[in-house]
Amino acid sequence: MTDNPVEPALWLTVPDIAERLEVPVSRVHQMLRDHVLIAVRRDGVLHVPGELVAGHTVRKHLPGVLTLLHDAGYNDEEALRWLYTPDDTLPGIPATALGSGRATEVKRRAQALGF
């Protein structure tokens, strides 16, 4: 893994996510508190990487990976950095690997961070 994270291709605000997921904004805030989704402040506004939402759902394995990262002591900024740091052995970044057949490997790597 390199130490140069890439920026998400698309940043979405909490209201954007609520609209995509067809849920109230308050539900998105609960999802953030429960580590189902991750958001970081950019210019004072909470933003969620667009790649972490597929259609009307959150990427299937994202909540598990976020739990593993938080259990390993990562805060949201550090977890986001990990999700967007290129890894030639995946290949690509963990955030996009979650949407492919490599999600199990991403979870395994996140779990290893706790040891």
PDB file of N, CA and C in Angstrom:
ATOM      1  N   MET A   1       0.836  -1.174   0.000  1.00  0.00           N
ATOM      2  CA  MET A   1       0.000   0.000   0.000  1.00  0.00           C
ATOM      3  C   MET A   1       0.883   1.240   0.000  1.00  0.00           C
ATOM      4  N   THR A   2       0.538   2.220  -0.794  1.00  0.00           N
ATOM      5  CA  THR A   2       1.283   3.473  -0.785  1.00  0.00           C
ATOM      6  C   THR A   2       0.676   4.394   0.267  1.00  0.00           C
ATOM      7  N   ASP A   3       1.313   5.518   0.510  1.00  0.00           N
ATOM      8  CA  ASP A   3       0.782   6.470   1.484  1.00  0.00           C
ATOM      9  C   ASP A   3       0.116   7.665   0.820  1.00  0.00           C
ATOM     10  N   ASN A   4      -0.242   7.548  -0.438  1.00  0.00           N
ATOM     11  CA  ASN A   4      -0.842   8.653  -1.165  1.00  0.00           C
ATOM     12  C   ASN A   4      -2.277   8.329  -1.546  1.00  0.00           C
ATOM     13  N   PRO A   5      -3.227   8.665  -0.657  1.00  0.00           N
ATOM     14  CA  PRO A   5      -4.617   8.360  -0.980  1.00  0.00           C
ATOM     15  C   PRO A   5      -5.103   9.182  -2.165  1.00  0.00           C
ATOM     16  N   VAL A   6      -6.063   8.632  -2.870  1.00  0.00           N
ATOM     17  CA  VAL A   6      -6.700   9.343  -3.968  1.00  0.00           C
ATOM     18  C   VAL A   6      -7.984   9.962  -3.432  1.00  0.00           C
ATOM     19  N   GLU A   7      -8.430  10.998  -4.063  1.00  0.00           N
ATOM     20  CA  GLU A   7      -9.692  11.627  -3.680  1.00  0.00           C
ATOM     21  C   GLU A   7     -10.844  10.817  -4.255  1.00  0.00           C
ATOM     22  N   PRO A   8     -11.937  10.700  -3.520  1.00  0.00           N
ATOM     23  CA  PRO A   8     -13.125  10.075  -4.098  1.00  0.00           C
ATOM     24  C   PRO A   8     -13.511  10.797  -5.381  1.00  0.00           C
ATOM     25  N   ALA A   9     -14.048  10.038  -6.324  1.00  0.00           N
ATOM     26  CA  ALA A   9     -14.441  10.625  -7.602  1.00  0.00           C
ATOM     27  C   ALA A   9     -15.597  11.603  -7.425  1.00  0.00           C
ATOM     28  N   LEU A  10     -16.414  11.359  -6.408  1.00  0.00           N
ATOM     29  CA  LEU A  10     -17.604  12.180  -6.192  1.00  0.00           C
ATOM     30  C   LEU A  10     -17.860  12.305  -4.703  1.00  0.00           C
ATOM     31  N   TRP A  11     -18.041  13.527  -4.245  1.00  0.00           N
ATOM     32  CA  TRP A  11     -18.444  13.777  -2.856  1.00  0.00           C
ATOM     33  C   TRP A  11     -19.930  14.100  -2.851  1.00  0.00           C
ATOM     34  N   LEU A  12     -20.668  13.493  -1.923  1.00  0.00           N
ATOM     35  CA  LEU A  12     -22.094  13.763  -1.793  1.00  0.00           C
ATOM     36  C   LEU A  12     -22.376  14.309  -0.396  1.00  0.00           C
ATOM     37  N   THR A  13     -23.292  15.251  -0.304  1.00  0.00           N
ATOM     38  CA  THR A  13     -23.689  15.783   0.998  1.00  0.00           C
ATOM     39  C   THR A  13     -24.696  14.827   1.642  1.00  0.00           C
ATOM     40  N   VAL A  14     -24.950  15.036   2.911  1.00  0.00           N
ATOM     41  CA  VAL A  14     -25.923  14.196   3.623  1.00  0.00           C
ATOM     42  C   VAL A  14     -27.306  14.261   2.955  1.00  0.00           C
ATOM     43  N   PRO A  15     -27.802  15.444   2.570  1.00  0.00           N
ATOM     44  CA  PRO A  15     -29.089  15.463   1.861  1.00  0.00           C
ATOM     45  C   PRO A  15     -29.045  14.690   0.528  1.00  0.00           C
ATOM     46  N   ASP A  16     -27.912  14.749  -0.178  1.00  0.00           N
ATOM     47  CA  ASP A  16     -27.764  13.973  -1.424  1.00  0.00           C
ATOM     48  C   ASP A  16     -27.882  12.480  -1.141  1.00  0.00           C
ATOM     49  N   ILE A  17     -27.214  12.029  -0.064  1.00  0.00           N
ATOM     50  CA  ILE A  17     -27.252  10.615   0.306  1.00  0.00           C
ATOM     51  C   ILE A  17     -28.673  10.219   0.684  1.00  0.00           C
ATOM     52  N   ALA A  18     -29.347  11.066   1.451  1.00  0.00           N
ATOM     53  CA  ALA A  18     -30.731  10.779   1.852  1.00  0.00           C
ATOM     54  C   ALA A  18     -31.610  10.594   0.622  1.00  0.00           C
ATOM     55  N   GLU A  19     -31.415  11.450  -0.361  1.00  0.00           N
ATOM     56  CA  GLU A  19     -32.201  11.350  -1.588  1.00  0.00           C
ATOM     57  C   GLU A  19     -31.882  10.057  -2.340  1.00  0.00           C
ATOM     58  N   ARG A  20     -30.600   9.730  -2.457  1.00  0.00           N
ATOM     59  CA  ARG A  20     -30.199   8.497  -3.151  1.00  0.00           C
ATOM     60  C   ARG A  20     -30.743   7.248  -2.481  1.00  0.00           C
ATOM     61  N   LEU A  21     -30.668   7.237  -1.136  1.00  0.00           N
ATOM     62  CA  LEU A  21     -31.102   6.064  -0.385  1.00  0.00           C
ATOM     63  C   LEU A  21     -32.607   6.066  -0.114  1.00  0.00           C
ATOM     64  N   GLU A  22     -33.242   7.198  -0.457  1.00  0.00           N
ATOM     65  CA  GLU A  22     -34.678   7.371  -0.249  1.00  0.00           C
ATOM     66  C   GLU A  22     -35.054   7.204   1.223  1.00  0.00           C
ATOM     67  N   VAL A  23     -34.276   7.901   2.071  1.00  0.00           N
ATOM     68  CA  VAL A  23     -34.516   7.899   3.517  1.00  0.00           C
ATOM     69  C   VAL A  23     -34.440   9.339   4.014  1.00  0.00           C
ATOM     70  N   PRO A  24     -34.973   9.613   5.204  1.00  0.00           N
ATOM     71  CA  PRO A  24     -34.855  10.969   5.753  1.00  0.00           C
ATOM     72  C   PRO A  24     -33.392  11.292   6.115  1.00  0.00           C
ATOM     73  N   VAL A  25     -33.068  12.560   6.141  1.00  0.00           N
ATOM     74  CA  VAL A  25     -31.731  13.014   6.510  1.00  0.00           C
ATOM     75  C   VAL A  25     -31.371  12.489   7.901  1.00  0.00           C
ATOM     76  N   SER A  26     -32.340  12.443   8.803  1.00  0.00           N
ATOM     77  CA  SER A  26     -32.075  11.951  10.162  1.00  0.00           C
ATOM     78  C   SER A  26     -31.610  10.493  10.135  1.00  0.00           C
ATOM     79  N   ARG A  27     -32.114   9.714   9.200  1.00  0.00           N
ATOM     80  CA  ARG A  27     -31.676   8.311   9.077  1.00  0.00           C
ATOM     81  C   ARG A  27     -30.226   8.247   8.608  1.00  0.00           C
ATOM     82  N   VAL A  28     -29.821   9.122   7.715  1.00  0.00           N
ATOM     83  CA  VAL A  28     -28.429   9.160   7.253  1.00  0.00           C
ATOM     84  C   VAL A  28     -27.516   9.511   8.423  1.00  0.00           C
ATOM     85  N   HIS A  29     -27.923  10.469   9.239  1.00  0.00           N
ATOM     86  CA  HIS A  29     -27.118  10.819  10.415  1.00  0.00           C
ATOM     87  C   HIS A  29     -26.990   9.615  11.352  1.00  0.00           C
ATOM     88  N   GLN A  30     -28.062   8.841  11.512  1.00  0.00           N
ATOM     89  CA  GLN A  30     -27.992   7.639  12.340  1.00  0.00           C
ATOM     90  C   GLN A  30     -27.041   6.615  11.723  1.00  0.00           C
ATOM     91  N   MET A  31     -27.068   6.474  10.403  1.00  0.00           N
ATOM     92  CA  MET A  31     -26.166   5.554   9.711  1.00  0.00           C
ATOM     93  C   MET A  31     -24.709   5.964   9.934  1.00  0.00           C
ATOM     94  N   LEU A  32     -24.453   7.257   9.968  1.00  0.00           N
ATOM     95  CA  LEU A  32     -23.097   7.751  10.227  1.00  0.00           C
ATOM     96  C   LEU A  32     -22.682   7.435  11.666  1.00  0.00           C
ATOM     97  N   ARG A  33     -23.592   7.643  12.612  1.00  0.00           N
ATOM     98  CA  ARG A  33     -23.283   7.323  14.016  1.00  0.00           C
ATOM     99  C   ARG A  33     -23.038   5.823  14.208  1.00  0.00           C
ATOM    100  N   ASP A  34     -23.778   5.007  13.463  1.00  0.00           N
ATOM    101  CA  ASP A  34     -23.677   3.542  13.584  1.00  0.00           C
ATOM    102  C   ASP A  34     -22.551   2.961  12.731  1.00  0.00           C
ATOM    103  N   HIS A  35     -21.796   3.797  12.049  1.00  0.00           N
ATOM    104  CA  HIS A  35     -20.698   3.380  11.166  1.00  0.00           C
ATOM    105  C   HIS A  35     -21.174   2.479  10.018  1.00  0.00           C
ATOM    106  N   VAL A  36     -22.373   2.751   9.540  1.00  0.00           N
ATOM    107  CA  VAL A  36     -22.865   2.090   8.331  1.00  0.00           C
ATOM    108  C   VAL A  36     -22.323   2.843   7.127  1.00  0.00           C
ATOM    109  N   LEU A  37     -22.134   4.134   7.310  1.00  0.00           N
ATOM    110  CA  LEU A  37     -21.566   5.034   6.301  1.00  0.00           C
ATOM    111  C   LEU A  37     -20.468   5.848   6.964  1.00  0.00           C
ATOM    112  N   ILE A  38     -19.656   6.469   6.157  1.00  0.00           N
ATOM    113  CA  ILE A  38     -18.594   7.336   6.669  1.00  0.00           C
ATOM    114  C   ILE A  38     -18.699   8.688   5.972  1.00  0.00           C
ATOM    115  N   ALA A  39     -18.479   9.723   6.743  1.00  0.00           N
ATOM    116  CA  ALA A  39     -18.486  11.079   6.195  1.00  0.00           C
ATOM    117  C   ALA A  39     -17.372  11.869   6.870  1.00  0.00           C
ATOM    118  N   VAL A  40     -16.860  12.820   6.158  1.00  0.00           N
ATOM    119  CA  VAL A  40     -15.853  13.734   6.698  1.00  0.00           C
ATOM    120  C   VAL A  40     -16.262  15.159   6.347  1.00  0.00           C
ATOM    121  N   ARG A  41     -15.788  16.089   7.136  1.00  0.00           N
ATOM    122  CA  ARG A  41     -16.097  17.504   6.866  1.00  0.00           C
ATOM    123  C   ARG A  41     -15.142  18.054   5.823  1.00  0.00           C
ATOM    124  N   ARG A  42     -15.711  18.686   4.850  1.00  0.00           N
ATOM    125  CA  ARG A  42     -14.966  19.406   3.825  1.00  0.00           C
ATOM    126  C   ARG A  42     -15.605  20.782   3.729  1.00  0.00           C
ATOM    127  N   ASP A  43     -14.825  21.803   4.002  1.00  0.00           N
ATOM    128  CA  ASP A  43     -15.340  23.180   4.014  1.00  0.00           C
ATOM    129  C   ASP A  43     -16.537  23.315   4.959  1.00  0.00           C
ATOM    130  N   GLY A  44     -16.485  22.620   6.092  1.00  0.00           N
ATOM    131  CA  GLY A  44     -17.522  22.730   7.109  1.00  0.00           C
ATOM    132  C   GLY A  44     -18.774  21.911   6.868  1.00  0.00           C
ATOM    133  N   VAL A  45     -18.818  21.190   5.760  1.00  0.00           N
ATOM    134  CA  VAL A  45     -20.007  20.404   5.399  1.00  0.00           C
ATOM    135  C   VAL A  45     -19.649  18.926   5.387  1.00  0.00           C
ATOM    136  N   LEU A  46     -20.532  18.096   5.951  1.00  0.00           N
ATOM    137  CA  LEU A  46     -20.309  16.651   5.914  1.00  0.00           C
ATOM    138  C   LEU A  46     -20.465  16.139   4.487  1.00  0.00           C
ATOM    139  N   HIS A  47     -19.468  15.358   4.052  1.00  0.00           N
ATOM    140  CA  HIS A  47     -19.501  14.754   2.722  1.00  0.00           C
ATOM    141  C   HIS A  47     -19.234  13.258   2.820  1.00  0.00           C
ATOM    142  N   VAL A  48     -19.906  12.512   1.964  1.00  0.00           N
ATOM    143  CA  VAL A  48     -19.760  11.060   1.871  1.00  0.00           C
ATOM    144  C   VAL A  48     -19.204  10.751   0.483  1.00  0.00           C
ATOM    145  N   PRO A  49     -18.201   9.876   0.378  1.00  0.00           N
ATOM    146  CA  PRO A  49     -17.723   9.480  -0.954  1.00  0.00           C
ATOM    147  C   PRO A  49     -18.834   8.760  -1.726  1.00  0.00           C
ATOM    148  N   GLY A  50     -19.087   9.211  -2.921  1.00  0.00           N
ATOM    149  CA  GLY A  50     -20.156   8.652  -3.739  1.00  0.00           C
ATOM    150  C   GLY A  50     -19.991   7.178  -4.063  1.00  0.00           C
ATOM    151  N   GLU A  51     -18.743   6.696  -4.140  1.00  0.00           N
ATOM    152  CA  GLU A  51     -18.498   5.290  -4.483  1.00  0.00           C
ATOM    153  C   GLU A  51     -19.006   4.328  -3.416  1.00  0.00           C
ATOM    154  N   LEU A  52     -19.271   4.845  -2.229  1.00  0.00           N
ATOM    155  CA  LEU A  52     -19.690   3.970  -1.135  1.00  0.00           C
ATOM    156  C   LEU A  52     -21.189   3.697  -1.139  1.00  0.00           C
ATOM    157  N   VAL A  53     -21.889   4.352  -2.053  1.00  0.00           N
ATOM    158  CA  VAL A  53     -23.324   4.136  -2.213  1.00  0.00           C
ATOM    159  C   VAL A  53     -23.561   3.614  -3.624  1.00  0.00           C
ATOM    160  N   ALA A  54     -24.197   2.459  -3.703  1.00  0.00           N
ATOM    161  CA  ALA A  54     -24.481   1.844  -5.001  1.00  0.00           C
ATOM    162  C   ALA A  54     -25.985   1.849  -5.220  1.00  0.00           C
ATOM    163  N   GLY A  55     -26.431   2.661  -6.159  1.00  0.00           N
ATOM    164  CA  GLY A  55     -27.871   2.748  -6.396  1.00  0.00           C
ATOM    165  C   GLY A  55     -28.567   3.303  -5.170  1.00  0.00           C
ATOM    166  N   HIS A  56     -29.492   2.527  -4.614  1.00  0.00           N
ATOM    167  CA  HIS A  56     -30.254   2.960  -3.446  1.00  0.00           C
ATOM    168  C   HIS A  56     -29.788   2.276  -2.162  1.00  0.00           C
ATOM    169  N   THR A  57     -28.554   1.754  -2.164  1.00  0.00           N
ATOM    170  CA  THR A  57     -28.047   1.069  -0.975  1.00  0.00           C
ATOM    171  C   THR A  57     -26.589   1.428  -0.720  1.00  0.00           C
ATOM    172  N   VAL A  58     -26.181   1.211   0.516  1.00  0.00           N
ATOM    173  CA  VAL A  58     -24.777   1.354   0.906  1.00  0.00           C
ATOM    174  C   VAL A  58     -24.070   0.088   0.433  1.00  0.00           C
ATOM    175  N   ARG A  59     -22.825   0.205  -0.002  1.00  0.00           N
ATOM    176  CA  ARG A  59     -22.054  -0.984  -0.400  1.00  0.00           C
ATOM    177  C   ARG A  59     -22.184  -2.045   0.677  1.00  0.00           C
ATOM    178  N   LYS A  60     -22.467  -3.254   0.261  1.00  0.00           N
ATOM    179  CA  LYS A  60     -22.810  -4.353   1.157  1.00  0.00           C
ATOM    180  C   LYS A  60     -21.803  -4.555   2.296  1.00  0.00           C
ATOM    181  N   HIS A  61     -20.536  -4.539   2.022  1.00  0.00           N
ATOM    182  CA  HIS A  61     -19.523  -4.873   3.018  1.00  0.00           C
ATOM    183  C   HIS A  61     -18.966  -3.652   3.759  1.00  0.00           C
ATOM    184  N   LEU A  62     -19.396  -2.457   3.377  1.00  0.00           N
ATOM    185  CA  LEU A  62     -18.860  -1.243   3.996  1.00  0.00           C
ATOM    186  C   LEU A  62     -19.065  -1.194   5.513  1.00  0.00           C
ATOM    187  N   PRO A  63     -20.259  -1.453   6.034  1.00  0.00           N
ATOM    188  CA  PRO A  63     -20.427  -1.367   7.495  1.00  0.00           C
ATOM    189  C   PRO A  63     -19.466  -2.281   8.259  1.00  0.00           C
ATOM    190  N   GLY A  64     -19.251  -3.482   7.777  1.00  0.00           N
ATOM    191  CA  GLY A  64     -18.319  -4.398   8.439  1.00  0.00           C
ATOM    192  C   GLY A  64     -16.900  -3.882   8.414  1.00  0.00           C
ATOM    193  N   VAL A  65     -16.484  -3.345   7.279  1.00  0.00           N
ATOM    194  CA  VAL A  65     -15.126  -2.799   7.163  1.00  0.00           C
ATOM    195  C   VAL A  65     -14.967  -1.583   8.071  1.00  0.00           C
ATOM    196  N   LEU A  66     -15.972  -0.715   8.109  1.00  0.00           N
ATOM    197  CA  LEU A  66     -15.890   0.463   8.981  1.00  0.00           C
ATOM    198  C   LEU A  66     -15.811   0.057  10.451  1.00  0.00           C
ATOM    199  N   THR A  67     -16.563  -0.964  10.836  1.00  0.00           N
ATOM    200  CA  THR A  67     -16.487  -1.457  12.210  1.00  0.00           C
ATOM    201  C   THR A  67     -15.091  -1.969  12.520  1.00  0.00           C
ATOM    202  N   LEU A  68     -14.517  -2.735  11.603  1.00  0.00           N
ATOM    203  CA  LEU A  68     -13.164  -3.254  11.800  1.00  0.00           C
ATOM    204  C   LEU A  68     -12.144  -2.122  11.928  1.00  0.00           C
ATOM    205  N   LEU A  69     -12.263  -1.116  11.076  1.00  0.00           N
ATOM    206  CA  LEU A  69     -11.330   0.009  11.127  1.00  0.00           C
ATOM    207  C   LEU A  69     -11.476   0.797  12.426  1.00  0.00           C
ATOM    208  N   HIS A  70     -12.705   1.036  12.849  1.00  0.00           N
ATOM    209  CA  HIS A  70     -12.910   1.761  14.102  1.00  0.00           C
ATOM    210  C   HIS A  70     -12.439   0.935  15.295  1.00  0.00           C
ATOM    211  N   ASP A  71     -12.657  -0.372  15.256  1.00  0.00           N
ATOM    212  CA  ASP A  71     -12.160  -1.243  16.323  1.00  0.00           C
ATOM    213  C   ASP A  71     -10.631  -1.230  16.389  1.00  0.00           C
ATOM    214  N   ALA A  72      -9.994  -0.988  15.246  1.00  0.00           N
ATOM    215  CA  ALA A  72      -8.527  -0.918  15.193  1.00  0.00           C
ATOM    216  C   ALA A  72      -8.013   0.460  15.616  1.00  0.00           C
ATOM    217  N   GLY A  73      -8.928   1.362  15.993  1.00  0.00           N
ATOM    218  CA  GLY A  73      -8.525   2.677  16.482  1.00  0.00           C
ATOM    219  C   GLY A  73      -8.538   3.781  15.449  1.00  0.00           C
ATOM    220  N   TYR A  74      -9.044   3.509  14.262  1.00  0.00           N
ATOM    221  CA  TYR A  74      -9.088   4.527  13.214  1.00  0.00           C
ATOM    222  C   TYR A  74     -10.260   5.478  13.459  1.00  0.00           C
ATOM    223  N   ASN A  75     -10.020   6.786  13.287  1.00  0.00           N
ATOM    224  CA  ASN A  75     -11.134   7.729  13.294  1.00  0.00           C
ATOM    225  C   ASN A  75     -11.659   7.815  11.855  1.00  0.00           C
ATOM    226  N   ASP A  76     -12.690   8.618  11.618  1.00  0.00           N
ATOM    227  CA  ASP A  76     -13.289   8.667  10.282  1.00  0.00           C
ATOM    228  C   ASP A  76     -12.316   9.145   9.211  1.00  0.00           C
ATOM    229  N   GLU A  77     -11.506  10.161   9.527  1.00  0.00           N
ATOM    230  CA  GLU A  77     -10.522  10.654   8.542  1.00  0.00           C
ATOM    231  C   GLU A  77      -9.513   9.563   8.197  1.00  0.00           C
ATOM    232  N   GLU A  78      -9.019   8.847   9.222  1.00  0.00           N
ATOM    233  CA  GLU A  78      -8.041   7.781   8.988  1.00  0.00           C
ATOM    234  C   GLU A  78      -8.666   6.608   8.233  1.00  0.00           C
ATOM    235  N   ALA A  79      -9.912   6.285   8.555  1.00  0.00           N
ATOM    236  CA  ALA A  79     -10.606   5.199   7.852  1.00  0.00           C
ATOM    237  C   ALA A  79     -10.804   5.566   6.381  1.00  0.00           C
ATOM    238  N   LEU A  80     -11.170   6.808   6.143  1.00  0.00           N
ATOM    239  CA  LEU A  80     -11.344   7.255   4.763  1.00  0.00           C
ATOM    240  C   LEU A  80     -10.020   7.195   4.008  1.00  0.00           C
ATOM    241  N   ARG A  81      -8.943   7.616   4.677  1.00  0.00           N
ATOM    242  CA  ARG A  81      -7.614   7.555   4.052  1.00  0.00           C
ATOM    243  C   ARG A  81      -7.283   6.110   3.686  1.00  0.00           C
ATOM    244  N   TRP A  82      -7.556   5.167   4.587  1.00  0.00           N
ATOM    245  CA  TRP A  82      -7.275   3.755   4.326  1.00  0.00           C
ATOM    246  C   TRP A  82      -8.112   3.252   3.143  1.00  0.00           C
ATOM    247  N   LEU A  83      -9.383   3.620   3.114  1.00  0.00           N
ATOM    248  CA  LEU A  83     -10.271   3.171   2.030  1.00  0.00           C
ATOM    249  C   LEU A  83      -9.847   3.710   0.666  1.00  0.00           C
ATOM    250  N   TYR A  84      -9.154   4.852   0.649  1.00  0.00           N
ATOM    251  CA  TYR A  84      -8.791   5.490  -0.615  1.00  0.00           C
ATOM    252  C   TYR A  84      -7.290   5.497  -0.895  1.00  0.00           C
ATOM    253  N   THR A  85      -6.542   4.657  -0.195  1.00  0.00           N
ATOM    254  CA  THR A  85      -5.114   4.531  -0.476  1.00  0.00           C
ATOM    255  C   THR A  85      -4.905   3.369  -1.438  1.00  0.00           C
ATOM    256  N   PRO A  86      -4.303   3.636  -2.608  1.00  0.00           N
ATOM    257  CA  PRO A  86      -4.097   2.566  -3.595  1.00  0.00           C
ATOM    258  C   PRO A  86      -3.280   1.407  -3.035  1.00  0.00           C
ATOM    259  N   ASP A  87      -3.677   0.226  -3.438  1.00  0.00           N
ATOM    260  CA  ASP A  87      -2.987  -0.994  -3.034  1.00  0.00           C
ATOM    261  C   ASP A  87      -2.818  -1.853  -4.288  1.00  0.00           C
ATOM    262  N   ASP A  88      -1.588  -1.951  -4.753  1.00  0.00           N
ATOM    263  CA  ASP A  88      -1.311  -2.684  -5.996  1.00  0.00           C
ATOM    264  C   ASP A  88      -1.674  -4.155  -5.911  1.00  0.00           C
ATOM    265  N   THR A  89      -1.751  -4.700  -4.705  1.00  0.00           N
ATOM    266  CA  THR A  89      -2.074  -6.120  -4.587  1.00  0.00           C
ATOM    267  C   THR A  89      -3.569  -6.387  -4.666  1.00  0.00           C
ATOM    268  N   LEU A  90      -4.413  -5.344  -4.613  1.00  0.00           N
ATOM    269  CA  LEU A  90      -5.858  -5.580  -4.746  1.00  0.00           C
ATOM    270  C   LEU A  90      -6.284  -5.809  -6.200  1.00  0.00           C
ATOM    271  N   PRO A  91      -5.957  -5.152  -7.175  1.00  0.00           N
ATOM    272  CA  PRO A  91      -5.361  -3.821  -7.347  1.00  0.00           C
ATOM    273  C   PRO A  91      -6.419  -2.735  -7.171  1.00  0.00           C
ATOM    274  N   GLY A  92      -5.956  -1.517  -7.006  1.00  0.00           N
ATOM    275  CA  GLY A  92      -6.861  -0.386  -6.860  1.00  0.00           C
ATOM    276  C   GLY A  92      -6.940   0.084  -5.427  1.00  0.00           C
ATOM    277  N   ILE A  93      -8.088   0.633  -5.077  1.00  0.00           N
ATOM    278  CA  ILE A  93      -8.290   1.123  -3.721  1.00  0.00           C
ATOM    279  C   ILE A  93      -9.352   0.262  -3.037  1.00  0.00           C
ATOM    280  N   PRO A  94      -9.253   0.096  -1.713  1.00  0.00           N
ATOM    281  CA  PRO A  94     -10.242  -0.719  -1.007  1.00  0.00           C
ATOM    282  C   PRO A  94     -11.684  -0.258  -1.218  1.00  0.00           C
ATOM    283  N   ALA A  95     -11.921   1.039  -1.309  1.00  0.00           N
ATOM    284  CA  ALA A  95     -13.295   1.546  -1.471  1.00  0.00           C
ATOM    285  C   ALA A  95     -13.972   0.971  -2.715  1.00  0.00           C
ATOM    286  N   THR A  96     -13.262   0.910  -3.825  1.00  0.00           N
ATOM    287  CA  THR A  96     -13.882   0.360  -5.032  1.00  0.00           C
ATOM    288  C   THR A  96     -13.843  -1.165  -5.038  1.00  0.00           C
ATOM    289  N   ALA A  97     -12.878  -1.753  -4.347  1.00  0.00           N
ATOM    290  CA  ALA A  97     -12.812  -3.214  -4.259  1.00  0.00           C
ATOM    291  C   ALA A  97     -14.009  -3.777  -3.500  1.00  0.00           C
ATOM    292  N   LEU A  98     -14.618  -2.969  -2.629  1.00  0.00           N
ATOM    293  CA  LEU A  98     -15.807  -3.421  -1.901  1.00  0.00           C
ATOM    294  C   LEU A  98     -16.964  -3.732  -2.839  1.00  0.00           C
ATOM    295  N   GLY A  99     -16.966  -3.102  -3.996  1.00  0.00           N
ATOM    296  CA  GLY A  99     -18.038  -3.322  -4.959  1.00  0.00           C
ATOM    297  C   GLY A  99     -17.736  -4.430  -5.948  1.00  0.00           C
ATOM    298  N   SER A 100     -16.682  -5.180  -5.695  1.00  0.00           N
ATOM    299  CA  SER A 100     -16.300  -6.260  -6.611  1.00  0.00           C
ATOM    300  C   SER A 100     -16.155  -7.558  -5.827  1.00  0.00           C
ATOM    301  N   GLY A 101     -15.627  -8.552  -6.466  1.00  0.00           N
ATOM    302  CA  GLY A 101     -15.407  -9.839  -5.825  1.00  0.00           C
ATOM    303  C   GLY A 101     -14.268  -9.828  -4.827  1.00  0.00           C
ATOM    304  N   ARG A 102     -13.674  -8.673  -4.581  1.00  0.00           N
ATOM    305  CA  ARG A 102     -12.532  -8.585  -3.663  1.00  0.00           C
ATOM    306  C   ARG A 102     -12.909  -8.058  -2.283  1.00  0.00           C
ATOM    307  N   ALA A 103     -14.200  -7.973  -1.995  1.00  0.00           N
ATOM    308  CA  ALA A 103     -14.649  -7.422  -0.716  1.00  0.00           C
ATOM    309  C   ALA A 103     -14.147  -8.249   0.464  1.00  0.00           C
ATOM    310  N   THR A 104     -14.110  -9.560   0.328  1.00  0.00           N
ATOM    311  CA  THR A 104     -13.629 -10.415   1.417  1.00  0.00           C
ATOM    312  C   THR A 104     -12.178 -10.112   1.731  1.00  0.00           C
ATOM    313  N   GLU A 105     -11.382  -9.878   0.711  1.00  0.00           N
ATOM    314  CA  GLU A 105      -9.968  -9.546   0.919  1.00  0.00           C
ATOM    315  C   GLU A 105      -9.832  -8.194   1.608  1.00  0.00           C
ATOM    316  N   VAL A 106     -10.669  -7.230   1.250  1.00  0.00           N
ATOM    317  CA  VAL A 106     -10.637  -5.920   1.902  1.00  0.00           C
ATOM    318  C   VAL A 106     -10.964  -6.094   3.385  1.00  0.00           C
ATOM    319  N   LYS A 107     -11.988  -6.889   3.698  1.00  0.00           N
ATOM    320  CA  LYS A 107     -12.349  -7.118   5.096  1.00  0.00           C
ATOM    321  C   LYS A 107     -11.220  -7.818   5.849  1.00  0.00           C
ATOM    322  N   ARG A 108     -10.566  -8.768   5.216  1.00  0.00           N
ATOM    323  CA  ARG A 108      -9.462  -9.479   5.854  1.00  0.00           C
ATOM    324  C   ARG A 108      -8.339  -8.505   6.199  1.00  0.00           C
ATOM    325  N   ARG A 109      -8.033  -7.605   5.274  1.00  0.00           N
ATOM    326  CA  ARG A 109      -6.955  -6.630   5.506  1.00  0.00           C
ATOM    327  C   ARG A 109      -7.339  -5.634   6.606  1.00  0.00           C
ATOM    328  N   ALA A 110      -8.588  -5.222   6.638  1.00  0.00           N
ATOM    329  CA  ALA A 110      -9.026  -4.307   7.684  1.00  0.00           C
ATOM    330  C   ALA A 110      -8.970  -5.003   9.048  1.00  0.00           C
ATOM    331  N   GLN A 111      -9.315  -6.276   9.078  1.00  0.00           N
ATOM    332  CA  GLN A 111      -9.288  -7.027  10.329  1.00  0.00           C
ATOM    333  C   GLN A 111      -7.848  -7.166  10.833  1.00  0.00           C
ATOM    334  N   ALA A 112      -6.912  -7.358   9.939  1.00  0.00           N
ATOM    335  CA  ALA A 112      -5.508  -7.511  10.316  1.00  0.00           C
ATOM    336  C   ALA A 112      -4.936  -6.247  10.955  1.00  0.00           C
ATOM    337  N   LEU A 113      -5.538  -5.097  10.692  1.00  0.00           N
ATOM    338  CA  LEU A 113      -5.046  -3.849  11.265  1.00  0.00           C
ATOM    339  C   LEU A 113      -5.208  -3.810  12.783  1.00  0.00           C
ATOM    340  N   GLY A 114      -6.132  -4.589  13.294  1.00  0.00           N
ATOM    341  CA  GLY A 114      -6.383  -4.608  14.731  1.00  0.00           C
ATOM    342  C   GLY A 114      -5.398  -5.443  15.515  1.00  0.00           C
ATOM    343  N   PHE A 115      -4.492  -6.122  14.822  1.00  0.00           N
ATOM    344  CA  PHE A 115      -3.547  -6.998  15.516  1.00  0.00           C
ATOM    345  C   PHE A 115      -2.132  -6.485  15.426  1.00  0.00           C
TER     346      PHE A 115
END
